[in-house]
């Protein structure tokens, strides 16, 4: 992993620590069209790899996200809804990002 990828993960790691330090009283129910944790992991790995590869290319993050999501046949709205669900359930998001980091370290 290059320096740019590592710099990308510093804010991400800080965000995860912040999320896991917050406690929630009850779990938020999943949306009806929730993306599975496994698929979310693959998408986040691809988004991160895409970000690293295109860091000096396309400046529009939404366009990068749409291109990756198109490969999974998932709409931007569905991704955003699912990601919002996972951010409201920090343990699930932490589990996903732990797997994402493991996958990225193997590449």
PDB file of N, CA and C in Angstrom:
ATOM      1  N   UNK A   1       0.840  -1.168   0.000  1.00  0.00           N
ATOM      2  CA  UNK A   1       0.000   0.000   0.000  1.00  0.00           C
ATOM      3  C   UNK A   1       0.888   1.235   0.000  1.00  0.00           C
ATOM      4  N   UNK A   2       0.558   2.198  -0.858  1.00  0.00           N
ATOM      5  CA  UNK A   2       1.359   3.395  -0.958  1.00  0.00           C
ATOM      6  C   UNK A   2       1.025   4.397   0.133  1.00  0.00           C
ATOM      7  N   UNK A   3       1.786   5.471   0.146  1.00  0.00           N
ATOM      8  CA  UNK A   3       1.607   6.508   1.160  1.00  0.00           C
ATOM      9  C   UNK A   3       0.241   7.163   1.034  1.00  0.00           C
ATOM     10  N   UNK A   4      -0.244   7.339  -0.208  1.00  0.00           N
ATOM     11  CA  UNK A   4      -1.557   7.964  -0.393  1.00  0.00           C
ATOM     12  C   UNK A   4      -2.659   7.106   0.213  1.00  0.00           C
ATOM     13  N   UNK A   5      -2.550   5.801   0.066  1.00  0.00           N
ATOM     14  CA  UNK A   5      -3.558   4.909   0.643  1.00  0.00           C
ATOM     15  C   UNK A   5      -3.511   4.956   2.158  1.00  0.00           C
ATOM     16  N   UNK A   6      -2.324   5.032   2.698  1.00  0.00           N
ATOM     17  CA  UNK A   6      -2.200   5.088   4.159  1.00  0.00           C
ATOM     18  C   UNK A   6      -2.740   6.399   4.700  1.00  0.00           C
ATOM     19  N   UNK A   7      -2.499   7.485   3.982  1.00  0.00           N
ATOM     20  CA  UNK A   7      -3.031   8.781   4.395  1.00  0.00           C
ATOM     21  C   UNK A   7      -4.552   8.742   4.371  1.00  0.00           C
ATOM     22  N   UNK A   8      -5.121   8.047   3.411  1.00  0.00           N
ATOM     23  CA  UNK A   8      -6.575   7.907   3.312  1.00  0.00           C
ATOM     24  C   UNK A   8      -7.130   7.202   4.542  1.00  0.00           C
ATOM     25  N   UNK A   9      -6.394   6.238   5.079  1.00  0.00           N
ATOM     26  CA  UNK A   9      -6.892   5.442   6.196  1.00  0.00           C
ATOM     27  C   UNK A   9      -6.763   6.133   7.547  1.00  0.00           C
ATOM     28  N   UNK A  10      -5.927   7.162   7.671  1.00  0.00           N
ATOM     29  CA  UNK A  10      -5.805   7.855   8.947  1.00  0.00           C
ATOM     30  C   UNK A  10      -7.127   8.474   9.374  1.00  0.00           C
ATOM     31  N   UNK A  11      -7.792   9.258   8.509  1.00  0.00           N
ATOM     32  CA  UNK A  11      -9.095   9.792   8.926  1.00  0.00           C
ATOM     33  C   UNK A  11     -10.121   8.669   9.118  1.00  0.00           C
ATOM     34  N   UNK A  12     -10.038   7.645   8.288  1.00  0.00           N
ATOM     35  CA  UNK A  12     -10.959   6.520   8.401  1.00  0.00           C
ATOM     36  C   UNK A  12     -10.802   5.828   9.747  1.00  0.00           C
ATOM     37  N   UNK A  13      -9.590   5.575  10.158  1.00  0.00           N
ATOM     38  CA  UNK A  13      -9.344   4.931  11.440  1.00  0.00           C
ATOM     39  C   UNK A  13      -9.835   5.812  12.586  1.00  0.00           C
ATOM     40  N   UNK A  14      -9.614   7.116  12.479  1.00  0.00           N
ATOM     41  CA  UNK A  14     -10.100   8.040  13.508  1.00  0.00           C
ATOM     42  C   UNK A  14     -11.618   8.003  13.589  1.00  0.00           C
ATOM     43  N   UNK A  15     -12.254   7.972  12.432  1.00  0.00           N
ATOM     44  CA  UNK A  15     -13.712   7.912  12.379  1.00  0.00           C
ATOM     45  C   UNK A  15     -14.219   6.629  13.031  1.00  0.00           C
ATOM     46  N   UNK A  16     -13.575   5.510  12.749  1.00  0.00           N
ATOM     47  CA  UNK A  16     -13.989   4.241  13.343  1.00  0.00           C
ATOM     48  C   UNK A  16     -13.819   4.256  14.862  1.00  0.00           C
ATOM     49  N   UNK A  17     -12.737   4.840  15.337  1.00  0.00           N
ATOM     50  CA  UNK A  17     -12.536   4.929  16.778  1.00  0.00           C
ATOM     51  C   UNK A  17     -13.617   5.788  17.422  1.00  0.00           C
ATOM     52  N   UNK A  18     -13.986   6.860  16.754  1.00  0.00           N
ATOM     53  CA  UNK A  18     -15.044   7.716  17.262  1.00  0.00           C
ATOM     54  C   UNK A  18     -16.367   6.969  17.302  1.00  0.00           C
ATOM     55  N   UNK A  19     -16.648   6.226  16.247  1.00  0.00           N
ATOM     56  CA  UNK A  19     -17.896   5.469  16.198  1.00  0.00           C
ATOM     57  C   UNK A  19     -17.965   4.418  17.291  1.00  0.00           C
ATOM     58  N   UNK A  20     -16.878   3.708  17.494  1.00  0.00           N
ATOM     59  CA  UNK A  20     -16.904   2.631  18.473  1.00  0.00           C
ATOM     60  C   UNK A  20     -16.892   3.151  19.898  1.00  0.00           C
ATOM     61  N   UNK A  21     -16.493   4.404  20.099  1.00  0.00           N
ATOM     62  CA  UNK A  21     -16.503   4.954  21.446  1.00  0.00           C
ATOM     63  C   UNK A  21     -17.895   5.436  21.840  1.00  0.00           C
ATOM     64  N   UNK A  22     -18.773   5.627  20.855  1.00  0.00           N
ATOM     65  CA  UNK A  22     -20.138   6.049  21.134  1.00  0.00           C
ATOM     66  C   UNK A  22     -20.977   4.823  21.475  1.00  0.00           C
ATOM     67  N   UNK A  23     -21.857   4.994  22.423  1.00  0.00           N
ATOM     68  CA  UNK A  23     -22.739   3.876  22.753  1.00  0.00           C
ATOM     69  C   UNK A  23     -24.163   4.233  22.359  1.00  0.00           C
ATOM     70  N   UNK A  24     -24.857   3.269  21.828  1.00  0.00           N
ATOM     71  CA  UNK A  24     -26.236   3.454  21.410  1.00  0.00           C
ATOM     72  C   UNK A  24     -27.115   2.555  22.263  1.00  0.00           C
ATOM     73  N   UNK A  25     -28.318   3.021  22.576  1.00  0.00           N
ATOM     74  CA  UNK A  25     -29.209   2.267  23.438  1.00  0.00           C
ATOM     75  C   UNK A  25     -29.841   1.087  22.731  1.00  0.00           C
ATOM     76  N   UNK A  26     -30.181   1.250  21.466  1.00  0.00           N
ATOM     77  CA  UNK A  26     -30.777   0.141  20.741  1.00  0.00           C
ATOM     78  C   UNK A  26     -30.292   0.153  19.300  1.00  0.00           C
ATOM     79  N   UNK A  27     -30.344  -0.996  18.703  1.00  0.00           N
ATOM     80  CA  UNK A  27     -29.905  -1.121  17.321  1.00  0.00           C
ATOM     81  C   UNK A  27     -30.979  -0.559  16.391  1.00  0.00           C
ATOM     82  N   UNK A  28     -30.539   0.166  15.397  1.00  0.00           N
ATOM     83  CA  UNK A  28     -31.432   0.710  14.393  1.00  0.00           C
ATOM     84  C   UNK A  28     -31.843  -0.432  13.466  1.00  0.00           C
ATOM     85  N   UNK A  29     -33.120  -0.542  13.127  1.00  0.00           N
ATOM     86  CA  UNK A  29     -33.531  -1.622  12.223  1.00  0.00           C
ATOM     87  C   UNK A  29     -32.963  -1.403  10.820  1.00  0.00           C
ATOM     88  N   UNK A  30     -32.595  -2.468  10.140  1.00  0.00           N
ATOM     89  CA  UNK A  30     -32.019  -2.329   8.794  1.00  0.00           C
ATOM     90  C   UNK A  30     -33.067  -1.883   7.783  1.00  0.00           C
ATOM     91  N   UNK A  31     -32.630  -1.139   6.748  1.00  0.00           N
ATOM     92  CA  UNK A  31     -33.562  -0.784   5.685  1.00  0.00           C
ATOM     93  C   UNK A  31     -33.957  -2.036   4.904  1.00  0.00           C
ATOM     94  N   UNK A  32     -35.061  -1.965   4.212  1.00  0.00           N
ATOM     95  CA  UNK A  32     -35.565  -3.140   3.497  1.00  0.00           C
ATOM     96  C   UNK A  32     -34.624  -3.592   2.380  1.00  0.00           C
ATOM     97  N   UNK A  33     -33.863  -2.675   1.825  1.00  0.00           N
ATOM     98  CA  UNK A  33     -32.957  -3.026   0.726  1.00  0.00           C
ATOM     99  C   UNK A  33     -31.492  -2.977   1.154  1.00  0.00           C
ATOM    100  N   UNK A  34     -31.225  -3.347   2.400  1.00  0.00           N
ATOM    101  CA  UNK A  34     -29.873  -3.300   2.956  1.00  0.00           C
ATOM    102  C   UNK A  34     -28.897  -4.138   2.135  1.00  0.00           C
ATOM    103  N   UNK A  35     -27.738  -3.564   1.864  1.00  0.00           N
ATOM    104  CA  UNK A  35     -26.653  -4.293   1.213  1.00  0.00           C
ATOM    105  C   UNK A  35     -26.015  -5.168   2.289  1.00  0.00           C
ATOM    106  N   UNK A  36     -25.796  -6.426   1.996  1.00  0.00           N
ATOM    107  CA  UNK A  36     -25.211  -7.332   2.988  1.00  0.00           C
ATOM    108  C   UNK A  36     -23.822  -6.845   3.394  1.00  0.00           C
ATOM    109  N   UNK A  37     -23.402  -7.221   4.592  1.00  0.00           N
ATOM    110  CA  UNK A  37     -22.085  -6.828   5.097  1.00  0.00           C
ATOM    111  C   UNK A  37     -20.976  -7.316   4.169  1.00  0.00           C
ATOM    112  N   UNK A  38     -21.116  -8.532   3.636  1.00  0.00           N
ATOM    113  CA  UNK A  38     -20.098  -9.063   2.723  1.00  0.00           C
ATOM    114  C   UNK A  38     -19.991  -8.227   1.454  1.00  0.00           C
ATOM    115  N   UNK A  39     -21.129  -7.882   0.875  1.00  0.00           N
ATOM    116  CA  UNK A  39     -21.118  -7.072  -0.349  1.00  0.00           C
ATOM    117  C   UNK A  39     -20.607  -5.674  -0.046  1.00  0.00           C
ATOM    118  N   UNK A  40     -21.002  -5.117   1.099  1.00  0.00           N
ATOM    119  CA  UNK A  40     -20.517  -3.792   1.485  1.00  0.00           C
ATOM    120  C   UNK A  40     -18.997  -3.817   1.618  1.00  0.00           C
ATOM    121  N   UNK A  41     -18.466  -4.884   2.164  1.00  0.00           N
ATOM    122  CA  UNK A  41     -17.015  -5.030   2.286  1.00  0.00           C
ATOM    123  C   UNK A  41     -16.360  -4.977   0.906  1.00  0.00           C
ATOM    124  N   UNK A  42     -16.883  -5.754  -0.043  1.00  0.00           N
ATOM    125  CA  UNK A  42     -16.307  -5.769  -1.392  1.00  0.00           C
ATOM    126  C   UNK A  42     -16.388  -4.388  -2.036  1.00  0.00           C
ATOM    127  N   UNK A  43     -17.512  -3.715  -1.860  1.00  0.00           N
ATOM    128  CA  UNK A  43     -17.683  -2.378  -2.437  1.00  0.00           C
ATOM    129  C   UNK A  43     -16.669  -1.415  -1.828  1.00  0.00           C
ATOM    130  N   UNK A  44     -16.513  -1.444  -0.522  1.00  0.00           N
ATOM    131  CA  UNK A  44     -15.579  -0.524   0.131  1.00  0.00           C
ATOM    132  C   UNK A  44     -14.130  -0.813  -0.253  1.00  0.00           C
ATOM    133  N   UNK A  45     -13.802  -2.077  -0.441  1.00  0.00           N
ATOM    134  CA  UNK A  45     -12.454  -2.415  -0.929  1.00  0.00           C
ATOM    135  C   UNK A  45     -12.271  -1.826  -2.327  1.00  0.00           C
ATOM    136  N   UNK A  46     -13.246  -2.032  -3.195  1.00  0.00           N
ATOM    137  CA  UNK A  46     -13.138  -1.506  -4.560  1.00  0.00           C
ATOM    138  C   UNK A  46     -13.103   0.017  -4.574  1.00  0.00           C
ATOM    139  N   UNK A  47     -13.905   0.654  -3.740  1.00  0.00           N
ATOM    140  CA  UNK A  47     -13.889   2.116  -3.667  1.00  0.00           C
ATOM    141  C   UNK A  47     -12.528   2.622  -3.216  1.00  0.00           C
ATOM    142  N   UNK A  48     -11.942   1.946  -2.240  1.00  0.00           N
ATOM    143  CA  UNK A  48     -10.635   2.361  -1.737  1.00  0.00           C
ATOM    144  C   UNK A  48      -9.551   2.156  -2.794  1.00  0.00           C
ATOM    145  N   UNK A  49      -9.603   1.011  -3.461  1.00  0.00           N
ATOM    146  CA  UNK A  49      -8.631   0.753  -4.534  1.00  0.00           C
ATOM    147  C   UNK A  49      -8.804   1.760  -5.667  1.00  0.00           C
ATOM    148  N   UNK A  50     -10.041   2.056  -6.004  1.00  0.00           N
ATOM    149  CA  UNK A  50     -10.338   3.028  -7.047  1.00  0.00           C
ATOM    150  C   UNK A  50      -9.831   4.405  -6.643  1.00  0.00           C
ATOM    151  N   UNK A  51     -10.042   4.767  -5.403  1.00  0.00           N
ATOM    152  CA  UNK A  51      -9.570   6.053  -4.897  1.00  0.00           C
ATOM    153  C   UNK A  51      -8.053   6.156  -5.006  1.00  0.00           C
ATOM    154  N   UNK A  52      -7.365   5.110  -4.636  1.00  0.00           N
ATOM    155  CA  UNK A  52      -5.904   5.112  -4.701  1.00  0.00           C
ATOM    156  C   UNK A  52      -5.422   5.206  -6.148  1.00  0.00           C
ATOM    157  N   UNK A  53      -6.082   4.470  -7.044  1.00  0.00           N
ATOM    158  CA  UNK A  53      -5.665   4.458  -8.451  1.00  0.00           C
ATOM    159  C   UNK A  53      -5.987   5.768  -9.155  1.00  0.00           C
ATOM    160  N   UNK A  54      -7.076   6.389  -8.783  1.00  0.00           N
ATOM    161  CA  UNK A  54      -7.526   7.593  -9.481  1.00  0.00           C
ATOM    162  C   UNK A  54      -7.301   8.863  -8.682  1.00  0.00           C
ATOM    163  N   UNK A  55      -6.450   8.785  -7.679  1.00  0.00           N
ATOM    164  CA  UNK A  55      -6.273   9.915  -6.781  1.00  0.00           C
ATOM    165  C   UNK A  55      -5.949  11.205  -7.517  1.00  0.00           C
ATOM    166  N   UNK A  56      -5.180  11.131  -8.568  1.00  0.00           N
ATOM    167  CA  UNK A  56      -4.848  12.344  -9.307  1.00  0.00           C
ATOM    168  C   UNK A  56      -5.732  12.506 -10.540  1.00  0.00           C
ATOM    169  N   UNK A  57      -6.691  11.622 -10.692  1.00  0.00           N
ATOM    170  CA  UNK A  57      -7.564  11.665 -11.869  1.00  0.00           C
ATOM    171  C   UNK A  57      -8.848  12.415 -11.613  1.00  0.00           C
ATOM    172  N   UNK A  58      -9.960  11.725 -11.702  1.00  0.00           N
ATOM    173  CA  UNK A  58     -11.277  12.334 -11.605  1.00  0.00           C
ATOM    174  C   UNK A  58     -11.464  12.952 -10.218  1.00  0.00           C
ATOM    175  N   UNK A  59     -11.744  14.256 -10.160  1.00  0.00           N
ATOM    176  CA  UNK A  59     -11.866  14.895  -8.855  1.00  0.00           C
ATOM    177  C   UNK A  59     -13.209  14.658  -8.164  1.00  0.00           C
ATOM    178  N   UNK A  60     -14.189  14.150  -8.867  1.00  0.00           N
ATOM    179  CA  UNK A  60     -15.534  13.999  -8.321  1.00  0.00           C
ATOM    180  C   UNK A  60     -15.693  12.655  -7.616  1.00  0.00           C
ATOM    181  N   UNK A  61     -15.751  12.667  -6.277  1.00  0.00           N
ATOM    182  CA  UNK A  61     -15.872  11.430  -5.498  1.00  0.00           C
ATOM    183  C   UNK A  61     -17.171  10.699  -5.799  1.00  0.00           C
ATOM    184  N   UNK A  62     -18.236  11.441  -6.063  1.00  0.00           N
ATOM    185  CA  UNK A  62     -19.522  10.808  -6.375  1.00  0.00           C
ATOM    186  C   UNK A  62     -19.412  10.006  -7.663  1.00  0.00           C
ATOM    187  N   UNK A  63     -18.732  10.541  -8.658  1.00  0.00           N
ATOM    188  CA  UNK A  63     -18.562   9.826  -9.922  1.00  0.00           C
ATOM    189  C   UNK A  63     -17.778   8.536  -9.709  1.00  0.00           C
ATOM    190  N   UNK A  64     -16.723   8.578  -8.890  1.00  0.00           N
ATOM    191  CA  UNK A  64     -15.957   7.369  -8.586  1.00  0.00           C
ATOM    192  C   UNK A  64     -16.848   6.330  -7.921  1.00  0.00           C
ATOM    193  N   UNK A  65     -17.664   6.781  -6.974  1.00  0.00           N
ATOM    194  CA  UNK A  65     -18.546   5.880  -6.246  1.00  0.00           C
ATOM    195  C   UNK A  65     -19.570   5.248  -7.191  1.00  0.00           C
ATOM    196  N   UNK A  66     -20.133   6.049  -8.075  1.00  0.00           N
ATOM    197  CA  UNK A  66     -21.130   5.544  -9.018  1.00  0.00           C
ATOM    198  C   UNK A  66     -20.513   4.490  -9.934  1.00  0.00           C
ATOM    199  N   UNK A  67     -19.291   4.695 -10.395  1.00  0.00           N
ATOM    200  CA  UNK A  67     -18.630   3.724 -11.267  1.00  0.00           C
ATOM    201  C   UNK A  67     -18.426   2.390 -10.558  1.00  0.00           C
ATOM    202  N   UNK A  68     -18.021   2.404  -9.313  1.00  0.00           N
ATOM    203  CA  UNK A  68     -17.832   1.167  -8.557  1.00  0.00           C
ATOM    204  C   UNK A  68     -19.185   0.512  -8.303  1.00  0.00           C
ATOM    205  N   UNK A  69     -20.166   1.295  -7.899  1.00  0.00           N
ATOM    206  CA  UNK A  69     -21.484   0.740  -7.606  1.00  0.00           C
ATOM    207  C   UNK A  69     -22.137   0.136  -8.842  1.00  0.00           C
ATOM    208  N   UNK A  70     -21.858   0.695 -10.004  1.00  0.00           N
ATOM    209  CA  UNK A  70     -22.413   0.148 -11.245  1.00  0.00           C
ATOM    210  C   UNK A  70     -21.945  -1.288 -11.458  1.00  0.00           C
ATOM    211  N   UNK A  71     -20.717  -1.587 -11.059  1.00  0.00           N
ATOM    212  CA  UNK A  71     -20.203  -2.954 -11.183  1.00  0.00           C
ATOM    213  C   UNK A  71     -20.995  -3.935 -10.320  1.00  0.00           C
ATOM    214  N   UNK A  72     -21.550  -3.453  -9.232  1.00  0.00           N
ATOM    215  CA  UNK A  72     -22.334  -4.295  -8.324  1.00  0.00           C
ATOM    216  C   UNK A  72     -23.840  -4.181  -8.582  1.00  0.00           C
ATOM    217  N   UNK A  73     -24.198  -3.357  -9.566  1.00  0.00           N
ATOM    218  CA  UNK A  73     -25.610  -3.109  -9.887  1.00  0.00           C
ATOM    219  C   UNK A  73     -26.373  -2.608  -8.658  1.00  0.00           C
ATOM    220  N   UNK A  74     -25.750  -1.654  -7.953  1.00  0.00           N
ATOM    221  CA  UNK A  74     -26.331  -1.061  -6.754  1.00  0.00           C
ATOM    222  C   UNK A  74     -26.424   0.449  -6.978  1.00  0.00           C
ATOM    223  N   UNK A  75     -27.589   1.011  -6.683  1.00  0.00           N
ATOM    224  CA  UNK A  75     -27.780   2.451  -6.863  1.00  0.00           C
ATOM    225  C   UNK A  75     -27.050   3.226  -5.764  1.00  0.00           C
ATOM    226  N   UNK A  76     -26.760   4.478  -6.082  1.00  0.00           N
ATOM    227  CA  UNK A  76     -26.110   5.351  -5.108  1.00  0.00           C
ATOM    228  C   UNK A  76     -27.017   5.535  -3.889  1.00  0.00           C
ATOM    229  N   UNK A  77     -28.310   5.646  -4.105  1.00  0.00           N
ATOM    230  CA  UNK A  77     -29.258   5.803  -3.001  1.00  0.00           C
ATOM    231  C   UNK A  77     -29.234   4.573  -2.084  1.00  0.00           C
ATOM    232  N   UNK A  78     -29.218   3.380  -2.671  1.00  0.00           N
ATOM    233  CA  UNK A  78     -29.191   2.155  -1.867  1.00  0.00           C
ATOM    234  C   UNK A  78     -27.893   2.076  -1.066  1.00  0.00           C
ATOM    235  N   UNK A  79     -26.781   2.426  -1.700  1.00  0.00           N
ATOM    236  CA  UNK A  79     -25.503   2.413  -0.988  1.00  0.00           C
ATOM    237  C   UNK A  79     -25.535   3.399   0.173  1.00  0.00           C
ATOM    238  N   UNK A  80     -25.992   4.624  -0.091  1.00  0.00           N
ATOM    239  CA  UNK A  80     -26.018   5.642   0.957  1.00  0.00           C
ATOM    240  C   UNK A  80     -26.926   5.230   2.116  1.00  0.00           C
ATOM    241  N   UNK A  81     -28.080   4.633   1.802  1.00  0.00           N
ATOM    242  CA  UNK A  81     -28.997   4.162   2.841  1.00  0.00           C
ATOM    243  C   UNK A  81     -28.356   3.052   3.667  1.00  0.00           C
ATOM    244  N   UNK A  82     -27.725   2.108   2.986  1.00  0.00           N
ATOM    245  CA  UNK A  82     -27.064   1.000   3.691  1.00  0.00           C
ATOM    246  C   UNK A  82     -25.890   1.503   4.518  1.00  0.00           C
ATOM    247  N   UNK A  83     -25.106   2.413   3.948  1.00  0.00           N
ATOM    248  CA  UNK A  83     -23.957   2.942   4.680  1.00  0.00           C
ATOM    249  C   UNK A  83     -24.425   3.715   5.916  1.00  0.00           C
ATOM    250  N   UNK A  84     -25.515   4.458   5.781  1.00  0.00           N
ATOM    251  CA  UNK A  84     -26.071   5.178   6.928  1.00  0.00           C
ATOM    252  C   UNK A  84     -26.488   4.194   8.021  1.00  0.00           C
ATOM    253  N   UNK A  85     -27.091   3.081   7.619  1.00  0.00           N
ATOM    254  CA  UNK A  85     -27.475   2.052   8.592  1.00  0.00           C
ATOM    255  C   UNK A  85     -26.240   1.531   9.323  1.00  0.00           C
ATOM    256  N   UNK A  86     -25.195   1.200   8.559  1.00  0.00           N
ATOM    257  CA  UNK A  86     -23.991   0.652   9.191  1.00  0.00           C
ATOM    258  C   UNK A  86     -23.310   1.687  10.093  1.00  0.00           C
ATOM    259  N   UNK A  87     -23.350   2.970   9.735  1.00  0.00           N
ATOM    260  CA  UNK A  87     -22.742   3.985  10.598  1.00  0.00           C
ATOM    261  C   UNK A  87     -23.522   4.157  11.895  1.00  0.00           C
ATOM    262  N   UNK A  88     -24.809   3.827  11.872  1.00  0.00           N
ATOM    263  CA  UNK A  88     -25.616   3.898  13.089  1.00  0.00           C
ATOM    264  C   UNK A  88     -25.493   2.629  13.924  1.00  0.00           C
ATOM    265  N   UNK A  89     -24.819   1.636  13.397  1.00  0.00           N
ATOM    266  CA  UNK A  89     -24.549   0.379  14.101  1.00  0.00           C
ATOM    267  C   UNK A  89     -23.037   0.162  14.084  1.00  0.00           C
ATOM    268  N   UNK A  90     -22.335   0.860  14.958  1.00  0.00           N
ATOM    269  CA  UNK A  90     -20.874   0.925  14.868  1.00  0.00           C
ATOM    270  C   UNK A  90     -20.151  -0.415  14.933  1.00  0.00           C
ATOM    271  N   UNK A  91     -20.675  -1.376  15.666  1.00  0.00           N
ATOM    272  CA  UNK A  91     -19.977  -2.665  15.729  1.00  0.00           C
ATOM    273  C   UNK A  91     -20.002  -3.353  14.366  1.00  0.00           C
ATOM    274  N   UNK A  92     -21.128  -3.259  13.678  1.00  0.00           N
ATOM    275  CA  UNK A  92     -21.223  -3.863  12.345  1.00  0.00           C
ATOM    276  C   UNK A  92     -20.275  -3.152  11.376  1.00  0.00           C
ATOM    277  N   UNK A  93     -20.233  -1.819  11.453  1.00  0.00           N
ATOM    278  CA  UNK A  93     -19.340  -1.062  10.576  1.00  0.00           C
ATOM    279  C   UNK A  93     -17.879  -1.378  10.903  1.00  0.00           C
ATOM    280  N   UNK A  94     -17.580  -1.502  12.169  1.00  0.00           N
ATOM    281  CA  UNK A  94     -16.211  -1.847  12.567  1.00  0.00           C
ATOM    282  C   UNK A  94     -15.826  -3.219  12.005  1.00  0.00           C
ATOM    283  N   UNK A  95     -16.746  -4.177  12.081  1.00  0.00           N
ATOM    284  CA  UNK A  95     -16.478  -5.519  11.540  1.00  0.00           C
ATOM    285  C   UNK A  95     -16.224  -5.459  10.035  1.00  0.00           C
ATOM    286  N   UNK A  96     -17.026  -4.657   9.341  1.00  0.00           N
ATOM    287  CA  UNK A  96     -16.849  -4.516   7.890  1.00  0.00           C
ATOM    288  C   UNK A  96     -15.487  -3.909   7.593  1.00  0.00           C
ATOM    289  N   UNK A  97     -15.137  -2.815   8.270  1.00  0.00           N
ATOM    290  CA  UNK A  97     -13.863  -2.152   7.989  1.00  0.00           C
ATOM    291  C   UNK A  97     -12.665  -2.986   8.420  1.00  0.00           C
ATOM    292  N   UNK A  98     -12.832  -3.803   9.428  1.00  0.00           N
ATOM    293  CA  UNK A  98     -11.751  -4.727   9.793  1.00  0.00           C
ATOM    294  C   UNK A  98     -11.476  -5.675   8.636  1.00  0.00           C
ATOM    295  N   UNK A  99     -12.541  -6.189   8.034  1.00  0.00           N
ATOM    296  CA  UNK A  99     -12.393  -7.082   6.872  1.00  0.00           C
ATOM    297  C   UNK A  99     -11.839  -6.329   5.669  1.00  0.00           C
ATOM    298  N   UNK A 100     -12.289  -5.086   5.479  1.00  0.00           N
ATOM    299  CA  UNK A 100     -11.780  -4.274   4.370  1.00  0.00           C
ATOM    300  C   UNK A 100     -10.275  -4.092   4.509  1.00  0.00           C
ATOM    301  N   UNK A 101      -9.830  -3.728   5.702  1.00  0.00           N
ATOM    302  CA  UNK A 101      -8.394  -3.526   5.914  1.00  0.00           C
ATOM    303  C   UNK A 101      -7.604  -4.813   5.704  1.00  0.00           C
ATOM    304  N   UNK A 102      -8.144  -5.933   6.138  1.00  0.00           N
ATOM    305  CA  UNK A 102      -7.487  -7.218   5.903  1.00  0.00           C
ATOM    306  C   UNK A 102      -7.376  -7.510   4.410  1.00  0.00           C
ATOM    307  N   UNK A 103      -8.462  -7.263   3.680  1.00  0.00           N
ATOM    308  CA  UNK A 103      -8.452  -7.488   2.225  1.00  0.00           C
ATOM    309  C   UNK A 103      -7.434  -6.580   1.541  1.00  0.00           C
ATOM    310  N   UNK A 104      -7.402  -5.314   1.934  1.00  0.00           N
ATOM    311  CA  UNK A 104      -6.472  -4.381   1.310  1.00  0.00           C
ATOM    312  C   UNK A 104      -5.019  -4.737   1.629  1.00  0.00           C
ATOM    313  N   UNK A 105      -4.774  -5.204   2.810  1.00  0.00           N
ATOM    314  CA  UNK A 105      -3.404  -5.591   3.169  1.00  0.00           C
ATOM    315  C   UNK A 105      -2.932  -6.805   2.387  1.00  0.00           C
ATOM    316  N   UNK A 106      -3.851  -7.629   1.893  1.00  0.00           N
ATOM    317  CA  UNK A 106      -3.482  -8.793   1.100  1.00  0.00           C
ATOM    318  C   UNK A 106      -3.240  -8.445  -0.363  1.00  0.00           C
ATOM    319  N   UNK A 107      -3.638  -7.261  -0.788  1.00  0.00           N
ATOM    320  CA  UNK A 107      -3.481  -6.868  -2.197  1.00  0.00           C
ATOM    321  C   UNK A 107      -2.158  -6.223  -2.459  1.00  0.00           C
TER     322      UNK A 107
END
